[in-house]
């Protein structure tokens, strides 16, 4: 009877081990930590680097995923609002973005 329990326990552990796979955030932390170590950063420099690295958008989003139509609209309208000719800020920017997103 005990001989049957051991293989079942091992199979159960193997099936559960997939639940322990690293999340995207954990992978990002590992990557940023490796970069900081390679650059020999210490103290406040390391903290600042890690903060910026972890806040950065995931690389997979840039290469693999297409933007939704709403995201495309936002990107286009945002670029128009930032254009040097307009350089909108505050309420003027909010009004422009609202109108721009409604038109498209």
PDB file of N, CA and C in Angstrom:
ATOM      1  N   UNK A   1       0.815  -1.189   0.000  1.00  0.00           N
ATOM      2  CA  UNK A   1       0.000   0.000   0.000  1.00  0.00           C
ATOM      3  C   UNK A   1       0.867   1.265   0.000  1.00  0.00           C
ATOM      4  N   UNK A   2       1.941   1.250   0.794  1.00  0.00           N
ATOM      5  CA  UNK A   2       2.828   2.410   0.848  1.00  0.00           C
ATOM      6  C   UNK A   2       3.575   2.590  -0.457  1.00  0.00           C
ATOM      7  N   UNK A   3       3.824   1.533  -1.168  1.00  0.00           N
ATOM      8  CA  UNK A   3       4.528   1.611  -2.444  1.00  0.00           C
ATOM      9  C   UNK A   3       3.692   2.372  -3.469  1.00  0.00           C
ATOM     10  N   UNK A   4       2.397   2.273  -3.413  1.00  0.00           N
ATOM     11  CA  UNK A   4       1.507   2.964  -4.345  1.00  0.00           C
ATOM     12  C   UNK A   4       1.437   4.447  -4.013  1.00  0.00           C
ATOM     13  N   UNK A   5       1.543   4.805  -2.757  1.00  0.00           N
ATOM     14  CA  UNK A   5       1.416   6.205  -2.344  1.00  0.00           C
ATOM     15  C   UNK A   5       2.588   7.056  -2.830  1.00  0.00           C
ATOM     16  N   UNK A   6       3.772   6.533  -2.820  1.00  0.00           N
ATOM     17  CA  UNK A   6       4.956   7.295  -3.208  1.00  0.00           C
ATOM     18  C   UNK A   6       4.877   7.755  -4.669  1.00  0.00           C
ATOM     19  N   UNK A   7       4.598   6.872  -5.627  1.00  0.00           N
ATOM     20  CA  UNK A   7       4.485   7.347  -7.011  1.00  0.00           C
ATOM     21  C   UNK A   7       3.347   8.349  -7.201  1.00  0.00           C
ATOM     22  N   UNK A   8       2.241   8.123  -6.499  1.00  0.00           N
ATOM     23  CA  UNK A   8       1.133   9.077  -6.601  1.00  0.00           C
ATOM     24  C   UNK A   8       1.526  10.436  -6.035  1.00  0.00           C
ATOM     25  N   UNK A   9       2.271  10.446  -4.959  1.00  0.00           N
ATOM     26  CA  UNK A   9       2.749  11.686  -4.370  1.00  0.00           C
ATOM     27  C   UNK A   9       3.689  12.415  -5.323  1.00  0.00           C
ATOM     28  N   UNK A  10       4.581  11.674  -5.939  1.00  0.00           N
ATOM     29  CA  UNK A  10       5.532  12.275  -6.886  1.00  0.00           C
ATOM     30  C   UNK A  10       4.791  12.846  -8.097  1.00  0.00           C
ATOM     31  N   UNK A  11       3.829  12.119  -8.623  1.00  0.00           N
ATOM     32  CA  UNK A  11       3.043  12.609  -9.761  1.00  0.00           C
ATOM     33  C   UNK A  11       2.286  13.868  -9.373  1.00  0.00           C
ATOM     34  N   UNK A  12       1.714  13.877  -8.184  1.00  0.00           N
ATOM     35  CA  UNK A  12       1.001  15.061  -7.703  1.00  0.00           C
ATOM     36  C   UNK A  12       1.903  16.271  -7.580  1.00  0.00           C
ATOM     37  N   UNK A  13       3.099  16.067  -7.070  1.00  0.00           N
ATOM     38  CA  UNK A  13       4.056  17.165  -6.946  1.00  0.00           C
ATOM     39  C   UNK A  13       4.480  17.700  -8.309  1.00  0.00           C
ATOM     40  N   UNK A  14       4.678  16.830  -9.265  1.00  0.00           N
ATOM     41  CA  UNK A  14       5.054  17.263 -10.602  1.00  0.00           C
ATOM     42  C   UNK A  14       3.952  18.085 -11.251  1.00  0.00           C
ATOM     43  N   UNK A  15       2.722  17.676 -11.052  1.00  0.00           N
ATOM     44  CA  UNK A  15       1.601  18.422 -11.624  1.00  0.00           C
ATOM     45  C   UNK A  15       1.435  19.778 -10.955  1.00  0.00           C
ATOM     46  N   UNK A  16       1.694  19.850  -9.671  1.00  0.00           N
ATOM     47  CA  UNK A  16       1.557  21.110  -8.938  1.00  0.00           C
ATOM     48  C   UNK A  16       2.718  22.063  -9.200  1.00  0.00           C
ATOM     49  N   UNK A  17       3.842  21.549  -9.642  1.00  0.00           N
ATOM     50  CA  UNK A  17       5.021  22.395  -9.815  1.00  0.00           C
ATOM     51  C   UNK A  17       4.805  23.472 -10.866  1.00  0.00           C
ATOM     52  N   UNK A  18       3.874  23.277 -11.775  1.00  0.00           N
ATOM     53  CA  UNK A  18       3.587  24.303 -12.776  1.00  0.00           C
ATOM     54  C   UNK A  18       3.005  25.546 -12.126  1.00  0.00           C
ATOM     55  N   UNK A  19       2.363  25.392 -11.003  1.00  0.00           N
ATOM     56  CA  UNK A  19       1.821  26.539 -10.276  1.00  0.00           C
ATOM     57  C   UNK A  19       2.907  27.405  -9.676  1.00  0.00           C
ATOM     58  N   UNK A  20       4.105  26.884  -9.577  1.00  0.00           N
ATOM     59  CA  UNK A  20       5.215  27.624  -9.008  1.00  0.00           C
ATOM     60  C   UNK A  20       6.093  28.284 -10.067  1.00  0.00           C
ATOM     61  N   UNK A  21       5.664  28.297 -11.300  1.00  0.00           N
ATOM     62  CA  UNK A  21       6.435  28.922 -12.370  1.00  0.00           C
ATOM     63  C   UNK A  21       6.542  30.422 -12.107  1.00  0.00           C
ATOM     64  N   UNK A  22       7.646  30.994 -12.518  1.00  0.00           N
ATOM     65  CA  UNK A  22       7.884  32.419 -12.300  1.00  0.00           C
ATOM     66  C   UNK A  22       6.893  33.262 -13.094  1.00  0.00           C
ATOM     67  N   UNK A  23       6.392  34.314 -12.448  1.00  0.00           N
ATOM     68  CA  UNK A  23       5.488  35.229 -13.116  1.00  0.00           C
ATOM     69  C   UNK A  23       6.290  36.194 -13.985  1.00  0.00           C
ATOM     70  N   UNK A  24       5.579  36.956 -14.788  1.00  0.00           N
ATOM     71  CA  UNK A  24       6.250  37.932 -15.661  1.00  0.00           C
ATOM     72  C   UNK A  24       7.033  38.945 -14.829  1.00  0.00           C
ATOM     73  N   UNK A  25       6.433  39.386 -13.704  1.00  0.00           N
ATOM     74  CA  UNK A  25       7.105  40.355 -12.837  1.00  0.00           C
ATOM     75  C   UNK A  25       8.368  39.755 -12.224  1.00  0.00           C
ATOM     76  N   UNK A  26       8.315  38.482 -11.847  1.00  0.00           N
ATOM     77  CA  UNK A  26       9.498  37.827 -11.283  1.00  0.00           C
ATOM     78  C   UNK A  26      10.594  37.693 -12.333  1.00  0.00           C
ATOM     79  N   UNK A  27      10.206  37.389 -13.565  1.00  0.00           N
ATOM     80  CA  UNK A  27      11.187  37.316 -14.654  1.00  0.00           C
ATOM     81  C   UNK A  27      11.823  38.679 -14.891  1.00  0.00           C
ATOM     82  N   UNK A  28      11.005  39.724 -14.825  1.00  0.00           N
ATOM     83  CA  UNK A  28      11.507  41.079 -15.030  1.00  0.00           C
ATOM     84  C   UNK A  28      12.486  41.444 -13.908  1.00  0.00           C
ATOM     85  N   UNK A  29      12.139  41.065 -12.683  1.00  0.00           N
ATOM     86  CA  UNK A  29      13.011  41.342 -11.543  1.00  0.00           C
ATOM     87  C   UNK A  29      14.355  40.638 -11.715  1.00  0.00           C
ATOM     88  N   UNK A  30      14.321  39.400 -12.168  1.00  0.00           N
ATOM     89  CA  UNK A  30      15.552  38.639 -12.387  1.00  0.00           C
ATOM     90  C   UNK A  30      16.417  39.306 -13.452  1.00  0.00           C
ATOM     91  N   UNK A  31      15.794  39.731 -14.531  1.00  0.00           N
ATOM     92  CA  UNK A  31      16.521  40.384 -15.624  1.00  0.00           C
ATOM     93  C   UNK A  31      17.138  41.701 -15.165  1.00  0.00           C
ATOM     94  N   UNK A  32      16.338  42.522 -14.483  1.00  0.00           N
ATOM     95  CA  UNK A  32      16.846  43.812 -14.006  1.00  0.00           C
ATOM     96  C   UNK A  32      17.975  43.616 -13.000  1.00  0.00           C
ATOM     97  N   UNK A  33      17.832  42.632 -12.129  1.00  0.00           N
ATOM     98  CA  UNK A  33      18.863  42.353 -11.135  1.00  0.00           C
ATOM     99  C   UNK A  33      20.167  41.926 -11.804  1.00  0.00           C
ATOM    100  N   UNK A  34      20.049  41.112 -12.845  1.00  0.00           N
ATOM    101  CA  UNK A  34      21.243  40.671 -13.570  1.00  0.00           C
ATOM    102  C   UNK A  34      21.933  41.852 -14.248  1.00  0.00           C
ATOM    103  N   UNK A  35      21.140  42.755 -14.822  1.00  0.00           N
ATOM    104  CA  UNK A  35      21.720  43.937 -15.477  1.00  0.00           C
ATOM    105  C   UNK A  35      22.424  44.827 -14.456  1.00  0.00           C
ATOM    106  N   UNK A  36      21.799  45.027 -13.304  1.00  0.00           N
ATOM    107  CA  UNK A  36      22.399  45.866 -12.267  1.00  0.00           C
ATOM    108  C   UNK A  36      23.701  45.254 -11.762  1.00  0.00           C
ATOM    109  N   UNK A  37      23.731  43.939 -11.630  1.00  0.00           N
ATOM    110  CA  UNK A  37      24.942  43.254 -11.190  1.00  0.00           C
ATOM    111  C   UNK A  37      26.038  43.373 -12.244  1.00  0.00           C
ATOM    112  N   UNK A  38      25.672  43.235 -13.512  1.00  0.00           N
ATOM    113  CA  UNK A  38      26.648  43.334 -14.594  1.00  0.00           C
ATOM    114  C   UNK A  38      27.261  44.736 -14.658  1.00  0.00           C
ATOM    115  N   UNK A  39      26.469  45.750 -14.289  1.00  0.00           N
ATOM    116  CA  UNK A  39      26.961  47.128 -14.314  1.00  0.00           C
ATOM    117  C   UNK A  39      27.665  47.506 -13.008  1.00  0.00           C
ATOM    118  N   UNK A  40      27.754  46.565 -12.069  1.00  0.00           N
ATOM    119  CA  UNK A  40      28.386  46.792 -10.775  1.00  0.00           C
ATOM    120  C   UNK A  40      27.790  47.980 -10.027  1.00  0.00           C
ATOM    121  N   UNK A  41      26.466  48.096 -10.050  1.00  0.00           N
ATOM    122  CA  UNK A  41      25.800  49.189  -9.355  1.00  0.00           C
ATOM    123  C   UNK A  41      25.632  48.849  -7.883  1.00  0.00           C
ATOM    124  N   UNK A  42      25.793  49.860  -7.046  1.00  0.00           N
ATOM    125  CA  UNK A  42      25.680  49.686  -5.592  1.00  0.00           C
ATOM    126  C   UNK A  42      24.845  50.827  -5.010  1.00  0.00           C
ATOM    127  N   UNK A  43      24.221  50.579  -3.872  1.00  0.00           N
ATOM    128  CA  UNK A  43      23.534  51.611  -3.102  1.00  0.00           C
ATOM    129  C   UNK A  43      22.417  52.300  -3.851  1.00  0.00           C
ATOM    130  N   UNK A  44      22.419  53.644  -3.767  1.00  0.00           N
ATOM    131  CA  UNK A  44      21.352  54.439  -4.363  1.00  0.00           C
ATOM    132  C   UNK A  44      21.301  54.302  -5.884  1.00  0.00           C
ATOM    133  N   UNK A  45      22.465  54.159  -6.512  1.00  0.00           N
ATOM    134  CA  UNK A  45      22.485  53.970  -7.970  1.00  0.00           C
ATOM    135  C   UNK A  45      21.732  52.702  -8.355  1.00  0.00           C
ATOM    136  N   UNK A  46      21.960  51.637  -7.593  1.00  0.00           N
ATOM    137  CA  UNK A  46      21.295  50.356  -7.868  1.00  0.00           C
ATOM    138  C   UNK A  46      19.787  50.479  -7.647  1.00  0.00           C
ATOM    139  N   UNK A  47      19.400  51.138  -6.553  1.00  0.00           N
ATOM    140  CA  UNK A  47      17.973  51.319  -6.267  1.00  0.00           C
ATOM    141  C   UNK A  47      17.288  52.093  -7.388  1.00  0.00           C
ATOM    142  N   UNK A  48      17.921  53.165  -7.850  1.00  0.00           N
ATOM    143  CA  UNK A  48      17.346  53.972  -8.921  1.00  0.00           C
ATOM    144  C   UNK A  48      17.250  53.172 -10.214  1.00  0.00           C
ATOM    145  N   UNK A  49      18.303  52.423 -10.521  1.00  0.00           N
ATOM    146  CA  UNK A  49      18.296  51.611 -11.734  1.00  0.00           C
ATOM    147  C   UNK A  49      17.192  50.562 -11.672  1.00  0.00           C
ATOM    148  N   UNK A  50      17.088  49.859 -10.547  1.00  0.00           N
ATOM    149  CA  UNK A  50      16.074  48.811 -10.395  1.00  0.00           C
ATOM    150  C   UNK A  50      14.674  49.396 -10.500  1.00  0.00           C
ATOM    151  N   UNK A  51      14.469  50.551  -9.900  1.00  0.00           N
ATOM    152  CA  UNK A  51      13.158  51.193  -9.963  1.00  0.00           C
ATOM    153  C   UNK A  51      12.770  51.507 -11.405  1.00  0.00           C
ATOM    154  N   UNK A  52      13.684  52.122 -12.142  1.00  0.00           N
ATOM    155  CA  UNK A  52      13.409  52.462 -13.536  1.00  0.00           C
ATOM    156  C   UNK A  52      13.234  51.222 -14.395  1.00  0.00           C
ATOM    157  N   UNK A  53      14.053  50.233 -14.155  1.00  0.00           N
ATOM    158  CA  UNK A  53      13.989  48.997 -14.934  1.00  0.00           C
ATOM    159  C   UNK A  53      12.662  48.283 -14.714  1.00  0.00           C
ATOM    160  N   UNK A  54      12.205  48.223 -13.470  1.00  0.00           N
ATOM    161  CA  UNK A  54      10.960  47.522 -13.167  1.00  0.00           C
ATOM    162  C   UNK A  54       9.732  48.294 -13.629  1.00  0.00           C
ATOM    163  N   UNK A  55       9.846  49.615 -13.733  1.00  0.00           N
ATOM    164  CA  UNK A  55       8.728  50.420 -14.218  1.00  0.00           C
ATOM    165  C   UNK A  55       8.602  50.369 -15.735  1.00  0.00           C
ATOM    166  N   UNK A  56       9.678  50.036 -16.407  1.00  0.00           N
ATOM    167  CA  UNK A  56       9.680  50.015 -17.869  1.00  0.00           C
ATOM    168  C   UNK A  56       8.654  49.009 -18.382  1.00  0.00           C
ATOM    169  N   UNK A  57       8.099  49.313 -19.548  1.00  0.00           N
ATOM    170  CA  UNK A  57       7.117  48.413 -20.170  1.00  0.00           C
ATOM    171  C   UNK A  57       7.788  47.102 -20.545  1.00  0.00           C
ATOM    172  N   UNK A  58       7.089  46.010 -20.449  1.00  0.00           N
ATOM    173  CA  UNK A  58       7.679  44.726 -20.833  1.00  0.00           C
ATOM    174  C   UNK A  58       8.045  44.685 -22.305  1.00  0.00           C
ATOM    175  N   UNK A  59       9.156  44.062 -22.609  1.00  0.00           N
ATOM    176  CA  UNK A  59       9.637  44.005 -23.987  1.00  0.00           C
ATOM    177  C   UNK A  59       8.689  43.223 -24.878  1.00  0.00           C
ATOM    178  N   UNK A  60       8.008  42.225 -24.346  1.00  0.00           N
ATOM    179  CA  UNK A  60       7.101  41.407 -25.148  1.00  0.00           C
ATOM    180  C   UNK A  60       5.955  42.239 -25.693  1.00  0.00           C
ATOM    181  N   UNK A  61       5.539  43.275 -24.956  1.00  0.00           N
ATOM    182  CA  UNK A  61       4.439  44.115 -25.410  1.00  0.00           C
ATOM    183  C   UNK A  61       4.834  44.893 -26.660  1.00  0.00           C
ATOM    184  N   UNK A  62       6.099  45.309 -26.748  1.00  0.00           N
ATOM    185  CA  UNK A  62       6.556  46.063 -27.903  1.00  0.00           C
ATOM    186  C   UNK A  62       6.661  45.181 -29.138  1.00  0.00           C
ATOM    187  N   UNK A  63       7.135  43.967 -28.969  1.00  0.00           N
ATOM    188  CA  UNK A  63       7.421  43.116 -30.112  1.00  0.00           C
ATOM    189  C   UNK A  63       6.272  42.199 -30.484  1.00  0.00           C
ATOM    190  N   UNK A  64       5.583  41.629 -29.512  1.00  0.00           N
ATOM    191  CA  UNK A  64       4.656  40.562 -29.807  1.00  0.00           C
ATOM    192  C   UNK A  64       3.196  40.953 -29.932  1.00  0.00           C
ATOM    193  N   UNK A  65       2.698  41.843 -29.103  1.00  0.00           N
ATOM    194  CA  UNK A  65       1.270  42.122 -29.064  1.00  0.00           C
ATOM    195  C   UNK A  65       0.926  43.356 -29.884  1.00  0.00           C
ATOM    196  N   UNK A  66      -0.120  43.226 -30.665  1.00  0.00           N
ATOM    197  CA  UNK A  66      -0.611  44.367 -31.429  1.00  0.00           C
ATOM    198  C   UNK A  66      -1.480  45.230 -30.520  1.00  0.00           C
ATOM    199  N   UNK A  67      -1.512  46.523 -30.785  1.00  0.00           N
ATOM    200  CA  UNK A  67      -2.329  47.434 -29.993  1.00  0.00           C
ATOM    201  C   UNK A  67      -3.790  47.300 -30.400  1.00  0.00           C
ATOM    202  N   UNK A  68      -4.663  47.507 -29.434  1.00  0.00           N
ATOM    203  CA  UNK A  68      -6.093  47.489 -29.730  1.00  0.00           C
ATOM    204  C   UNK A  68      -6.443  48.776 -30.473  1.00  0.00           C
ATOM    205  N   UNK A  69      -7.598  48.830 -31.131  1.00  0.00           N
ATOM    206  CA  UNK A  69      -7.992  50.063 -31.823  1.00  0.00           C
ATOM    207  C   UNK A  69      -8.026  51.276 -30.885  1.00  0.00           C
ATOM    208  N   UNK A  70      -8.488  51.075 -29.642  1.00  0.00           N
ATOM    209  CA  UNK A  70      -8.528  52.184 -28.686  1.00  0.00           C
ATOM    210  C   UNK A  70      -7.116  52.649 -28.342  1.00  0.00           C
ATOM    211  N   UNK A  71      -6.201  51.711 -28.191  1.00  0.00           N
ATOM    212  CA  UNK A  71      -4.814  52.074 -27.896  1.00  0.00           C
ATOM    213  C   UNK A  71      -4.188  52.809 -29.070  1.00  0.00           C
ATOM    214  N   UNK A  72      -4.533  52.400 -30.289  1.00  0.00           N
ATOM    215  CA  UNK A  72      -4.030  53.095 -31.475  1.00  0.00           C
ATOM    216  C   UNK A  72      -4.529  54.535 -31.498  1.00  0.00           C
ATOM    217  N   UNK A  73      -5.830  54.723 -31.173  1.00  0.00           N
ATOM    218  CA  UNK A  73      -6.395  56.078 -31.125  1.00  0.00           C
ATOM    219  C   UNK A  73      -5.671  56.921 -30.092  1.00  0.00           C
ATOM    220  N   UNK A  74      -5.474  56.335 -28.918  1.00  0.00           N
ATOM    221  CA  UNK A  74      -4.794  57.067 -27.850  1.00  0.00           C
ATOM    222  C   UNK A  74      -3.379  57.464 -28.272  1.00  0.00           C
ATOM    223  N   UNK A  75      -2.694  56.547 -28.915  1.00  0.00           N
ATOM    224  CA  UNK A  75      -1.324  56.817 -29.347  1.00  0.00           C
ATOM    225  C   UNK A  75      -1.285  57.953 -30.360  1.00  0.00           C
ATOM    226  N   UNK A  76      -2.188  57.914 -31.319  1.00  0.00           N
ATOM    227  CA  UNK A  76      -2.240  58.946 -32.351  1.00  0.00           C
ATOM    228  C   UNK A  76      -2.611  60.306 -31.765  1.00  0.00           C
ATOM    229  N   UNK A  77      -3.662  60.335 -30.957  1.00  0.00           N
ATOM    230  CA  UNK A  77      -4.101  61.601 -30.359  1.00  0.00           C
ATOM    231  C   UNK A  77      -3.038  62.168 -29.415  1.00  0.00           C
ATOM    232  N   UNK A  78      -2.388  61.305 -28.674  1.00  0.00           N
ATOM    233  CA  UNK A  78      -1.338  61.738 -27.763  1.00  0.00           C
ATOM    234  C   UNK A  78      -0.175  62.354 -28.542  1.00  0.00           C
ATOM    235  N   UNK A  79       0.187  61.733 -29.649  1.00  0.00           N
ATOM    236  CA  UNK A  79       1.262  62.269 -30.479  1.00  0.00           C
ATOM    237  C   UNK A  79       0.870  63.632 -31.040  1.00  0.00           C
ATOM    238  N   UNK A  80      -0.386  63.777 -31.454  1.00  0.00           N
ATOM    239  CA  UNK A  80      -0.862  65.067 -31.970  1.00  0.00           C
ATOM    240  C   UNK A  80      -0.831  66.136 -30.879  1.00  0.00           C
ATOM    241  N   UNK A  81      -1.220  65.779 -29.679  1.00  0.00           N
ATOM    242  CA  UNK A  81      -1.231  66.741 -28.571  1.00  0.00           C
ATOM    243  C   UNK A  81       0.185  67.147 -28.183  1.00  0.00           C
ATOM    244  N   UNK A  82       1.144  66.238 -28.353  1.00  0.00           N
ATOM    245  CA  UNK A  82       2.530  66.535 -28.003  1.00  0.00           C
ATOM    246  C   UNK A  82       3.295  67.233 -29.119  1.00  0.00           C
ATOM    247  N   UNK A  83       2.697  67.295 -30.298  1.00  0.00           N
ATOM    248  CA  UNK A  83       3.391  67.905 -31.436  1.00  0.00           C
ATOM    249  C   UNK A  83       3.870  69.306 -31.057  1.00  0.00           C
ATOM    250  N   UNK A  84       5.012  69.670 -31.556  1.00  0.00           N
ATOM    251  CA  UNK A  84       5.624  70.942 -31.168  1.00  0.00           C
ATOM    252  C   UNK A  84       4.736  72.135 -31.512  1.00  0.00           C
ATOM    253  N   UNK A  85       3.935  72.027 -32.548  1.00  0.00           N
ATOM    254  CA  UNK A  85       3.068  73.146 -32.922  1.00  0.00           C
ATOM    255  C   UNK A  85       1.991  73.381 -31.860  1.00  0.00           C
ATOM    256  N   UNK A  86       1.512  72.298 -31.218  1.00  0.00           N
ATOM    257  CA  UNK A  86       0.429  72.445 -30.241  1.00  0.00           C
ATOM    258  C   UNK A  86       0.962  72.490 -28.817  1.00  0.00           C
ATOM    259  N   UNK A  87       1.789  71.523 -28.431  1.00  0.00           N
ATOM    260  CA  UNK A  87       2.346  71.421 -27.080  1.00  0.00           C
ATOM    261  C   UNK A  87       1.294  71.731 -26.021  1.00  0.00           C
ATOM    262  N   UNK A  88       0.165  71.035 -26.081  1.00  0.00           N
ATOM    263  CA  UNK A  88      -0.953  71.292 -25.184  1.00  0.00           C
ATOM    264  C   UNK A  88      -0.676  70.782 -23.777  1.00  0.00           C
ATOM    265  N   UNK A  89      -1.206  71.507 -22.795  1.00  0.00           N
ATOM    266  CA  UNK A  89      -1.061  71.128 -21.402  1.00  0.00           C
ATOM    267  C   UNK A  89      -2.366  71.414 -20.665  1.00  0.00           C
ATOM    268  N   UNK A  90      -2.574  70.704 -19.562  1.00  0.00           N
ATOM    269  CA  UNK A  90      -3.707  70.965 -18.677  1.00  0.00           C
ATOM    270  C   UNK A  90      -5.061  70.749 -19.325  1.00  0.00           C
ATOM    271  N   UNK A  91      -5.970  71.711 -19.084  1.00  0.00           N
ATOM    272  CA  UNK A  91      -7.347  71.599 -19.573  1.00  0.00           C
ATOM    273  C   UNK A  91      -7.418  71.599 -21.093  1.00  0.00           C
ATOM    274  N   UNK A  92      -6.545  72.359 -21.731  1.00  0.00           N
ATOM    275  CA  UNK A  92      -6.541  72.395 -23.198  1.00  0.00           C
ATOM    276  C   UNK A  92      -6.194  71.013 -23.755  1.00  0.00           C
ATOM    277  N   UNK A  93      -5.270  70.330 -23.120  1.00  0.00           N
ATOM    278  CA  UNK A  93      -4.890  68.983 -23.559  1.00  0.00           C
ATOM    279  C   UNK A  93      -6.035  68.006 -23.352  1.00  0.00           C
ATOM    280  N   UNK A  94      -6.690  68.086 -22.187  1.00  0.00           N
ATOM    281  CA  UNK A  94      -7.817  67.205 -21.899  1.00  0.00           C
ATOM    282  C   UNK A  94      -8.930  67.380 -22.934  1.00  0.00           C
ATOM    283  N   UNK A  95      -9.239  68.631 -23.247  1.00  0.00           N
ATOM    284  CA  UNK A  95     -10.292  68.917 -24.225  1.00  0.00           C
ATOM    285  C   UNK A  95      -9.902  68.398 -25.606  1.00  0.00           C
ATOM    286  N   UNK A  96      -8.636  68.615 -25.989  1.00  0.00           N
ATOM    287  CA  UNK A  96      -8.167  68.127 -27.290  1.00  0.00           C
ATOM    288  C   UNK A  96      -8.239  66.613 -27.359  1.00  0.00           C
ATOM    289  N   UNK A  97      -7.760  65.929 -26.319  1.00  0.00           N
ATOM    290  CA  UNK A  97      -7.773  64.474 -26.305  1.00  0.00           C
ATOM    291  C   UNK A  97      -9.202  63.932 -26.370  1.00  0.00           C
ATOM    292  N   UNK A  98     -10.099  64.563 -25.648  1.00  0.00           N
ATOM    293  CA  UNK A  98     -11.501  64.131 -25.666  1.00  0.00           C
ATOM    294  C   UNK A  98     -12.086  64.250 -27.062  1.00  0.00           C
ATOM    295  N   UNK A  99     -11.882  65.391 -27.695  1.00  0.00           N
ATOM    296  CA  UNK A  99     -12.402  65.596 -29.059  1.00  0.00           C
ATOM    297  C   UNK A  99     -11.748  64.647 -30.056  1.00  0.00           C
ATOM    298  N   UNK A 100     -10.442  64.482 -29.929  1.00  0.00           N
ATOM    299  CA  UNK A 100      -9.704  63.626 -30.841  1.00  0.00           C
ATOM    300  C   UNK A 100     -10.187  62.173 -30.743  1.00  0.00           C
ATOM    301  N   UNK A 101     -10.391  61.708 -29.532  1.00  0.00           N
ATOM    302  CA  UNK A 101     -10.816  60.306 -29.343  1.00  0.00           C
ATOM    303  C   UNK A 101     -12.255  60.083 -29.802  1.00  0.00           C
ATOM    304  N   UNK A 102     -13.068  61.096 -29.729  1.00  0.00           N
ATOM    305  CA  UNK A 102     -14.466  60.962 -30.186  1.00  0.00           C
ATOM    306  C   UNK A 102     -14.559  60.948 -31.710  1.00  0.00           C
ATOM    307  N   UNK A 103     -13.683  61.671 -32.383  1.00  0.00           N
ATOM    308  CA  UNK A 103     -13.725  61.791 -33.841  1.00  0.00           C
ATOM    309  C   UNK A 103     -13.324  60.517 -34.548  1.00  0.00           C
ATOM    310  N   UNK A 104     -12.369  59.811 -34.019  1.00  0.00           N
ATOM    311  CA  UNK A 104     -11.801  58.694 -34.754  1.00  0.00           C
ATOM    312  C   UNK A 104     -12.533  57.427 -34.552  1.00  0.00           C
TER     313      UNK A 104
END
